[in-house]
Protein backbone atom coordinates (compact mmCIF):
# COMPACT_ATOMS: atom_id res chain seq x y z
CA MET A 1 132.63 34.47 130.73
CA CYS A 2 134.39 37.78 130.68
CA ASN A 3 136.09 36.86 127.29
CA CYS A 4 132.62 35.81 125.63
CA ASP A 5 131.26 39.05 126.69
CA LEU A 6 133.95 40.86 125.08
CA ARG A 7 133.59 38.93 121.99
CA ALA A 8 129.66 39.50 121.93
CA GLU A 9 130.52 43.26 122.37
CA SER A 10 133.02 43.47 119.96
CA GLY A 11 130.64 41.99 117.61
CA VAL A 12 127.53 44.38 118.17
CA GLU A 13 130.18 47.14 117.57
CA SER A 14 131.24 45.77 114.19
CA MET A 15 127.57 45.37 113.05
CA ALA A 16 126.95 48.84 114.28
CA ASP A 17 129.84 50.26 111.79
CA GLU A 18 128.50 48.20 108.94
CA ILE A 19 124.97 49.63 109.27
CA ASP A 20 124.51 52.33 106.61
CA PHE A 21 122.30 54.73 108.65
CA LEU A 22 121.95 57.46 105.52
CA SER A 23 120.70 54.53 103.25
CA ILE A 24 117.88 53.57 105.60
CA LEU A 25 116.52 57.27 105.92
CA PRO A 26 113.08 57.74 104.00
CA ASP A 27 113.20 59.44 100.80
CA ASP A 28 111.78 62.63 102.01
CA VAL A 29 114.02 62.75 104.90
CA VAL A 30 117.09 62.85 102.65
CA ILE A 31 115.62 65.19 100.29
CA THR A 32 115.37 67.82 103.33
CA ILE A 33 118.92 66.99 104.02
CA LEU A 34 120.00 67.79 100.82
CA SER A 35 118.01 71.10 100.36
CA PHE A 36 120.96 72.61 102.89
CA LEU A 37 123.60 71.71 101.02
CA PRO A 38 124.87 73.77 98.14
CA ALA A 39 123.98 72.68 94.46
CA ALA A 40 127.43 71.51 93.46
CA VAL A 41 127.62 69.61 96.77
CA ALA A 42 124.26 67.99 96.57
CA VAL A 43 124.83 66.63 92.72
CA ARG A 44 127.77 64.73 93.85
CA THR A 45 125.98 62.64 96.03
CA SER A 46 124.09 61.27 93.20
CA VAL A 47 127.47 58.71 93.05
CA LEU A 48 126.93 57.62 96.54
CA CYS A 49 124.13 54.69 94.95
CA ARG A 50 121.51 54.13 92.53
CA ARG A 51 119.13 55.44 94.90
CA PHE A 52 120.65 58.89 95.67
CA ARG A 53 120.86 59.42 91.39
CA ASN A 54 117.80 61.48 91.29
CA LEU A 55 116.99 62.77 94.48
CA TRP A 56 118.79 65.75 94.29
CA LYS A 57 116.77 66.74 91.64
CA GLU A 58 113.64 66.87 94.20
CA SER A 59 115.29 69.39 96.55
CA ARG A 60 113.07 72.38 96.55
CA SER A 61 115.67 74.59 97.79
CA VAL A 62 118.79 75.62 95.76
CA LEU A 63 122.04 77.14 96.71
CA LEU A 64 123.78 78.07 93.29
CA THR A 65 127.21 79.06 94.50
CA PRO A 66 131.06 78.97 92.75
CA ARG A 67 132.20 77.89 95.99
CA TYR A 68 133.13 73.62 95.88
CA LEU A 69 133.61 74.11 91.57
CA PRO A 70 136.82 72.99 90.30
CA ARG A 71 139.34 75.76 89.27
CA PRO A 72 140.84 77.80 87.11
CA ASN A 73 137.84 76.80 84.95
CA HIS A 74 135.02 77.37 88.01
CA LEU A 75 132.93 79.81 85.60
CA ILE A 76 132.46 77.37 82.89
CA PHE A 77 131.53 74.74 85.93
CA PHE A 78 128.73 77.09 87.25
CA LEU A 79 126.99 77.58 84.06
CA ARG A 80 127.18 74.19 83.28
CA MET A 81 125.63 73.75 86.85
CA GLY A 82 122.84 76.25 86.76
CA GLU A 83 121.95 75.11 83.43
CA ARG A 84 121.70 71.51 84.74
CA VAL A 85 120.12 72.47 88.44
CA ILE A 86 117.69 75.19 86.80
CA LEU A 87 117.18 75.31 83.64
CA LYS A 88 117.06 71.86 82.69
CA ARG A 89 114.90 71.09 85.55
CA HIS A 90 111.39 69.13 84.89
CA PRO A 91 108.08 71.62 85.78
CA SER A 92 107.22 68.44 88.23
CA HIS A 93 110.19 69.17 90.44
CA PRO A 94 109.22 72.75 91.74
CA ILE A 95 111.98 75.65 93.18
CA LEU A 96 110.47 77.45 96.03
CA THR A 97 113.85 79.02 97.62
CA LEU A 98 116.62 79.90 95.20
CA HIS A 99 119.88 81.64 96.74
CA LEU A 100 122.38 83.13 94.40
CA GLU A 101 125.90 83.73 94.97
CA LEU A 102 127.41 86.04 91.86
CA ARG A 103 130.20 88.51 93.04
CA ARG A 104 132.97 86.63 92.03
CA PHE A 105 132.32 86.45 88.43
CA THR A 106 131.91 90.01 87.58
CA PRO A 107 132.08 91.32 85.06
CA ARG A 108 132.67 88.20 82.96
CA LEU A 109 129.15 86.75 83.83
CA GLY A 110 126.53 88.19 81.94
CA ASP A 111 122.85 89.23 82.87
CA GLN A 112 121.35 87.50 80.46
CA PHE A 113 121.81 84.08 82.31
CA ILE A 114 120.82 84.72 85.40
CA HIS A 115 117.49 86.74 83.56
CA MET A 116 117.21 82.94 82.10
CA ILE A 117 117.47 81.44 85.80
CA LEU A 118 115.13 83.74 87.23
CA VAL A 119 112.55 83.03 84.58
CA LYS A 120 113.04 79.46 84.67
CA ALA A 121 112.56 79.49 88.64
CA GLN A 122 109.42 81.82 88.43
CA SER A 123 108.09 79.02 86.09
CA LEU A 124 108.86 76.51 88.76
CA GLY A 125 106.72 78.37 91.47
CA LEU A 126 109.98 80.58 93.27
CA ARG A 127 108.87 81.86 96.62
CA HIS A 128 112.03 82.86 98.35
CA LEU A 129 115.11 84.51 96.23
CA THR A 130 118.37 85.53 97.80
CA ILE A 131 121.07 87.37 95.80
CA HIS A 132 124.10 87.40 97.79
CA GLU A 133 127.31 89.25 96.67
CA SER A 134 126.03 90.41 93.33
CA PRO A 135 127.60 91.74 90.08
CA HIS A 136 127.61 95.31 89.05
CA ASP A 137 124.98 94.24 86.51
CA LEU A 138 122.19 93.65 89.02
CA VAL A 139 120.48 96.95 87.55
CA TYR A 140 119.38 95.42 84.76
CA LEU A 141 117.97 92.60 86.81
CA LEU A 142 115.86 94.64 88.96
CA PRO A 143 112.72 94.47 86.49
CA SER A 144 112.93 90.70 86.28
CA ILE A 145 113.44 90.39 89.97
CA PHE A 146 110.05 92.53 91.06
CA SER A 147 108.06 91.19 88.10
CA ILE A 148 108.48 87.55 89.55
CA ASP A 149 104.64 87.33 91.18
CA THR A 150 105.05 83.92 92.73
CA LEU A 151 107.75 85.52 95.27
CA GLU A 152 107.05 85.99 99.06
CA SER A 153 110.33 86.68 100.42
CA LEU A 154 113.14 88.79 98.92
CA ASP A 155 116.66 89.42 100.04
CA LEU A 156 118.70 91.75 98.01
CA PRO A 157 122.65 93.04 98.37
CA THR A 158 123.17 96.64 98.15
CA VAL A 159 121.43 98.90 96.06
CA GLY A 160 123.76 102.34 94.82
CA PRO A 161 122.88 104.99 92.93
CA PHE A 162 123.35 103.62 89.97
CA HIS A 163 121.14 100.84 91.00
CA ALA A 164 118.49 103.30 92.09
CA ARG A 165 117.71 104.65 88.69
CA MET A 166 115.55 101.65 88.05
CA PHE A 167 113.17 102.77 91.40
CA HIS A 168 112.39 106.42 89.61
CA SER A 169 108.80 107.24 88.57
CA GLY A 170 108.64 104.55 85.57
CA PHE A 171 109.26 101.53 87.94
CA THR A 172 106.51 98.99 88.74
CA SER A 173 106.40 95.80 90.50
CA THR A 174 104.13 92.71 90.15
CA CYS A 175 105.13 91.07 93.47
CA PHE A 176 101.60 91.52 95.12
CA ARG A 177 102.49 88.52 97.35
CA LEU A 178 106.13 89.75 98.82
CA ARG A 179 105.42 89.38 102.30
CA THR A 180 109.08 89.95 103.73
CA LEU A 181 111.65 92.04 101.86
CA SER A 182 115.42 92.97 102.82
CA LEU A 183 117.24 95.99 101.44
CA ARG A 184 120.69 97.82 101.44
CA PHE A 185 121.00 101.25 100.20
CA PHE A 186 123.89 103.25 99.56
CA ASN A 187 123.49 106.82 99.06
CA VAL A 188 120.16 106.58 97.40
CA ALA A 189 117.76 109.43 97.48
CA SER A 190 114.66 108.52 99.97
CA PHE A 191 111.87 108.88 97.25
CA ASN A 192 113.26 105.89 95.17
CA ILE A 193 112.72 103.75 98.51
CA SER A 194 108.93 105.45 99.08
CA ARG A 195 108.03 104.45 95.36
CA ILE A 196 108.40 100.54 96.20
CA LEU A 197 106.75 100.10 98.87
CA PRO A 198 102.95 101.35 97.83
CA GLN A 199 103.25 98.75 95.04
CA LEU A 200 104.16 95.84 97.53
CA PRO A 201 100.45 95.44 99.01
CA SER A 202 101.08 92.24 100.58
CA LEU A 203 104.62 93.35 102.29
CA GLU A 204 104.71 92.48 106.31
CA ASP A 205 108.25 92.75 107.00
CA LEU A 206 110.71 94.81 106.13
CA HIS A 207 114.23 94.81 106.75
CA LEU A 208 116.50 98.11 105.53
CA GLU A 209 120.08 98.92 106.01
CA ILE A 210 121.07 102.48 104.69
CA ARG A 211 124.13 104.23 104.56
CA ALA A 212 125.13 108.20 103.33
CA MET A 213 121.34 109.56 103.43
CA ASP A 214 120.17 112.70 103.87
CA CYS A 215 116.55 111.90 104.40
CA LEU A 216 114.10 108.65 104.29
CA SER A 217 110.45 108.34 104.14
CA LEU A 218 108.75 104.72 104.73
CA PRO A 219 104.99 104.74 104.08
CA SER A 220 102.98 101.68 103.88
CA GLN A 221 99.57 100.50 105.54
CA THR A 222 100.62 96.85 105.62
CA ILE A 223 104.22 96.54 107.56
CA ARG A 224 104.07 95.08 110.78
CA LYS A 225 107.74 94.83 111.62
CA LEU A 226 110.34 96.77 110.19
CA LYS A 227 113.88 96.48 111.01
CA LEU A 228 116.06 99.27 110.26
CA ILE A 229 119.98 99.91 110.51
CA ILE A 230 121.45 103.15 109.49
CA ILE A 231 124.93 103.44 108.92
CA GLY A 232 126.29 106.80 110.53
CA ALA A 233 128.75 109.14 108.20
CA ASP A 234 130.45 112.20 108.98
CA ASP A 235 128.22 113.65 105.78
CA PRO A 236 125.73 113.77 104.82
CA LYS A 237 123.27 113.64 108.21
CA PHE A 238 119.77 112.99 108.06
CA ASP A 239 117.58 116.11 107.81
CA SER A 240 114.35 114.23 108.11
CA LEU A 241 113.08 110.87 109.06
CA ALA A 242 109.29 109.92 108.24
CA PHE A 243 107.56 107.04 109.61
CA SER A 244 103.81 106.62 108.13
CA LEU A 245 103.12 103.17 109.11
CA PRO A 246 99.55 102.44 110.93
CA SER A 247 99.86 98.96 111.19
CA LEU A 248 103.58 98.65 112.40
CA GLU A 249 103.62 96.27 115.38
CA SER A 250 107.29 95.93 116.18
CA LEU A 251 110.33 98.52 115.48
CA HIS A 252 114.10 97.76 115.59
CA LEU A 253 116.23 100.67 115.04
CA GLU A 254 119.61 100.84 115.21
CA THR A 255 122.57 103.08 114.37
CA ARG A 256 126.02 102.32 113.78
CA GLY A 257 129.22 104.42 113.76
CA PRO A 258 128.92 108.35 114.16
CA PHE A 259 125.18 109.68 115.48
CA PRO A 260 123.06 109.56 112.08
CA PHE A 261 121.08 112.68 112.58
CA SER A 262 121.70 116.29 112.27
CA THR A 263 120.77 118.91 114.94
CA HIS A 264 118.03 119.92 113.82
CA CYS A 265 116.69 116.88 112.11
CA SER A 266 113.01 116.25 111.70
CA ILE A 267 111.82 113.07 112.92
CA HIS A 268 107.87 111.99 112.66
CA GLY A 269 106.45 108.55 113.45
CA GLU A 270 102.86 107.55 112.87
CA PHE A 271 103.07 104.22 115.16
CA PRO A 272 99.46 103.53 116.74
CA LEU A 273 99.51 99.80 116.97
CA LEU A 274 103.42 99.75 118.14
CA LYS A 275 103.85 97.45 120.98
CA ASN A 276 107.44 96.32 120.56
CA ALA A 277 110.31 98.58 119.72
CA VAL A 278 114.22 98.48 120.60
CA ILE A 279 116.16 101.36 119.98
CA ILE A 280 120.13 100.82 119.88
CA LEU A 281 122.18 104.07 119.61
CA ASP A 282 125.86 104.34 119.01
CA GLU A 283 128.31 107.32 119.63
CA VAL A 284 125.93 109.44 121.06
CA HIS A 285 127.08 112.93 121.76
CA ALA A 286 125.26 115.78 124.17
CA PRO A 287 124.18 118.13 121.05
CA ASP A 288 122.29 114.55 120.02
CA ALA A 289 119.85 114.97 122.81
CA THR A 290 117.43 116.87 120.27
CA ALA A 291 117.11 114.02 118.15
CA VAL A 292 117.06 111.31 121.11
CA MET A 293 114.20 113.39 122.75
CA LYS A 294 112.50 113.57 119.24
CA LEU A 295 112.91 110.03 118.51
CA LEU A 296 111.50 109.06 122.24
CA HIS A 297 108.26 111.17 121.29
CA SER A 298 107.64 109.29 117.88
CA ILE A 299 107.44 106.16 119.79
CA SER A 300 105.20 107.26 122.53
CA HIS A 301 102.49 104.56 122.10
CA VAL A 302 105.20 101.35 122.65
CA GLN A 303 104.08 98.70 125.15
CA GLU A 304 107.89 97.18 125.53
CA LEU A 305 110.70 99.42 125.04
CA SER A 306 114.59 98.42 124.98
CA LEU A 307 116.96 101.53 125.02
CA HIS A 308 120.64 100.85 124.49
CA VAL A 309 122.32 104.11 124.15
CA LYS A 310 126.19 103.99 123.91
CA GLU A 311 127.13 107.69 125.13
CA GLU A 312 130.42 109.21 123.04
CA LYS A 313 133.84 109.85 124.97
CA TYR A 314 133.32 113.63 126.63
CA PRO A 315 135.61 114.90 129.11
CA ILE A 316 132.40 116.08 130.91
CA PRO A 317 129.25 113.56 131.09
CA SER A 318 126.73 115.84 129.62
CA PRO A 319 122.73 114.79 129.53
CA ILE A 320 122.13 113.02 125.79
CA LEU A 321 118.61 111.30 126.89
CA LEU A 322 116.92 114.45 126.90
CA GLU A 323 117.13 118.04 125.73
CA PRO A 324 117.05 119.90 128.51
CA GLY A 325 114.29 122.63 128.82
CA LYS A 326 112.29 120.66 126.48
CA THR A 327 108.81 118.49 126.91
CA VAL A 328 109.17 115.11 128.22
CA PRO A 329 107.43 112.53 126.44
CA ASP A 330 104.57 111.09 127.63
CA PHE A 331 104.13 107.01 127.53
CA PRO A 332 100.82 106.25 128.38
CA ARG A 333 100.79 102.16 127.21
CA LEU A 334 104.59 101.76 128.30
CA LYS A 335 104.51 98.59 130.41
CA HIS A 336 108.11 97.20 130.14
CA LEU A 337 111.10 99.25 130.03
CA ASP A 338 114.57 97.79 129.43
CA ALA A 339 117.51 100.49 129.22
CA SER A 340 121.24 100.62 129.24
CA LEU A 341 123.28 103.69 128.84
CA CYS A 342 125.86 105.80 131.40
CA PHE A 343 123.75 106.59 134.42
CA HIS A 344 125.92 109.59 135.34
CA ASP A 345 123.42 111.96 137.75
CA ARG A 346 122.16 113.89 134.33
CA ASN A 347 120.96 110.94 132.49
CA PHE A 348 119.72 109.46 136.16
CA ASP A 349 117.58 112.68 136.49
CA ALA A 350 116.65 112.44 133.04
CA ILE A 351 115.23 108.75 133.58
CA ILE A 352 113.53 109.87 136.24
CA MET A 353 111.65 112.53 134.54
CA VAL A 354 110.75 110.08 131.87
CA LEU A 355 109.46 107.65 134.49
CA ARG A 356 107.02 110.23 135.96
CA ASN A 357 105.47 109.67 132.69
CA CYS A 358 104.72 105.85 132.54
CA PRO A 359 101.64 105.79 134.22
CA ALA A 360 101.25 101.75 133.27
CA LEU A 361 104.70 100.64 133.62
CA GLU A 362 105.12 97.15 135.14
CA SER A 363 108.69 96.48 134.97
CA LEU A 364 111.70 98.39 134.80
CA LYS A 365 115.56 97.24 134.25
CA LEU A 366 118.29 100.12 134.08
CA VAL A 367 121.79 98.47 133.19
CA HIS A 368 124.88 101.37 133.70
CA LYS A 369 127.01 101.46 130.66
CA ILE A 370 130.32 103.41 131.47
CA PRO A 371 132.28 104.79 128.37
CA LYS A 372 135.32 103.61 127.08
CA PHE A 373 138.58 105.78 128.56
CA THR A 374 141.08 106.87 126.47
CA ASP A 375 144.10 108.82 126.76
CA TRP A 376 143.27 111.88 124.51
CA ALA A 377 140.06 112.61 126.80
CA GLN A 378 141.75 115.02 128.93
CA GLY A 379 140.01 116.75 132.08
CA ARG A 380 137.78 113.87 132.63
CA LYS A 381 137.74 111.97 136.19
CA ARG A 382 136.31 108.06 136.51
CA LYS A 383 133.79 109.51 139.16
CA ASP A 384 132.18 111.74 136.63
CA TRP A 385 131.10 108.51 135.21
CA ARG A 386 130.08 106.46 138.09
CA SER A 387 126.62 105.28 138.34
CA GLU A 388 123.62 107.09 140.49
CA LEU A 389 121.06 103.93 140.27
CA PRO A 390 120.44 102.71 143.77
CA ARG A 391 122.32 100.04 145.48
CA ASN A 392 120.78 96.82 144.68
CA ALA A 393 120.46 93.43 146.44
CA ASP A 394 123.99 92.31 145.49
CA GLY A 395 125.27 95.79 146.78
CA ASN A 396 126.48 97.49 143.80
CA ARG A 397 125.07 100.37 141.48
CA ARG A 398 125.17 98.64 138.13
CA TYR A 399 121.88 97.69 137.75
CA THR A 400 118.27 98.24 138.94
CA TYR A 401 115.36 95.77 138.49
CA PHE A 402 112.03 96.06 139.28
CA THR A 403 108.96 94.09 138.73
CA ASN A 404 105.33 93.57 139.22
CA LEU A 405 105.36 97.42 140.10
CA HIS A 406 101.39 97.66 140.67
CA LEU A 407 101.72 95.73 143.82
CA GLY A 408 101.88 96.83 147.02
CA LYS A 409 105.29 96.53 148.58
CA ASN A 410 107.39 96.71 144.95
CA ARG A 411 104.63 100.09 144.21
CA LYS A 412 106.35 101.89 147.36
CA GLU A 413 109.65 101.14 146.36
CA PHE A 414 109.22 102.43 142.71
CA MET A 415 107.81 105.53 144.14
CA LYS A 416 110.21 106.18 146.48
CA PHE A 417 112.79 105.41 143.36
CA LEU A 418 110.65 108.22 141.79
CA ALA A 419 110.65 110.51 144.93
CA LYS A 420 114.73 110.84 144.30
CA LYS A 421 115.24 114.67 144.09
CA CYS A 422 115.93 115.80 140.77
CA THR A 423 118.10 118.66 140.68
CA PHE A 424 118.16 117.94 136.80
CA MET A 425 117.65 121.79 135.60
CA ARG A 426 119.47 123.57 138.40
CA ARG A 427 122.62 121.30 137.27
CA ILE A 428 121.98 122.15 133.31
CA LYS A 429 121.84 125.63 134.10
CA ASN A 430 125.03 125.78 136.35
CA LEU A 431 127.36 123.52 133.77
CA ASP A 432 129.84 125.42 132.26
CA VAL A 433 130.15 123.79 129.01
C-alpha cells in the first residue's frame, strides 16, 4: 500500500510539472502581464508559441528602454524596437501608457525620432507619459510633449536653465486633460514655473523637486495635492515662497540638505481647504526659527499635521521651533498633531505654547529625536539634549501619546501636560549665545 501511495503521489507531481499554467491563462490576463515588461522582453514572448505571437501588440503599456537589447549595436536595436512597437502599431491597438528611457543614447539619438514616437503615441490615445533620464535634446521636445491633448499624467526628468527657455512668455500648452504632473527643476527662475500652471485647467496633483532657486510662486485654482521637495544649497537660498492654492487639500513639504530658506525669507500660503500637511525639515539651525515660524503660520488652517524637524548640530541647544518674542501661530482646526524633533527644554516649552492655541486637538504624538554627536561639536554635553517630555507608561521620555483629548480623563491629563511651567522667554533672555 505504501509503495502504491508513493507511486500515486509521484504521478500527480509529474503531471503537475507537465501542466503549462501560462497557456491556460486568458488572453486578457497574459496581456496585462506583458504590459509590465520592457518592450524588448514582451516581444520575445512571441517565440513561445503560436498563440503568443501577436499578444504583445495588444499591450496598452509600453516601456521603451535600452536595457535587454543586444550590444554593441543597441542603438540600432532601440530604433528598430521603437519603430516596431510604436510607429508601426495598428490604430486598433491603443497605447495608454508610455515610459521612455533615453539617456544612454545622448547625444546620438536625435529628437526627430522621439518626436515621431510622441506624435504616433498621441494618435493612439496616449494618456500617461514618463520620460526617464532624457537626453539634452529634451528642450526641443517640450513643445511636442505639452501639445499632447490626450495626456492625463506627465512625469519629466530634470529641467535645467537651458530647457526652461521653452517656458517663457511665448510658451503655450494644450494639455487640458492633464491631472498629474511631476517636474524637477534645477536653477530655474520661479516665473517659468508659474507660467505653466495657469495653462493646465484640470491639474489636481503636482509633484515638484527643485534645487538652487531663490524664489518660488505656485498659483493654481485646481491643485488639490502638492508634494514639494526642496534640495538645499549654500547659495542661493529662498527669499520668497508663495502659494496661491485655494483648492489644496494635501501638502507634503520636504527639505533635504542645508536649510533652503534665508533669514528674511517671505513665506505666504493660501490654503483655506487644507486638511493634511506633512512638513519634513532637514538640518535646521537656531537662526532658522524665523522661517519655521512663518511656515507654520502659512498652514494654520490645517486639520492634520505631521511635523518632523532634524536639528543641526550645535554646541548649545537653541530654540528652532519658534522665534523668541514673536506671535505663536493659531491652529483653530487642528485635530491631529504628530511631531518628532529634539524636545530639549527650549523646544519643549515652544511646543507647549503652540498646543495652547489648538482648541480642537483630539490626538497628540510627540517623539524625541536626538541630533547625532560629532567630535567637532565642542562644549556640548549629552544632558543638554535630554528629553523634557513627561515619562510615559513604558517608563521613558522618548515619546508622548495622547488620544481622545475631548474625553474626561484624557482631557485632564492633557490639561496637566499644558499646565507645565513655561520659562521659555526667561531662558531665551538669559541665554548667552
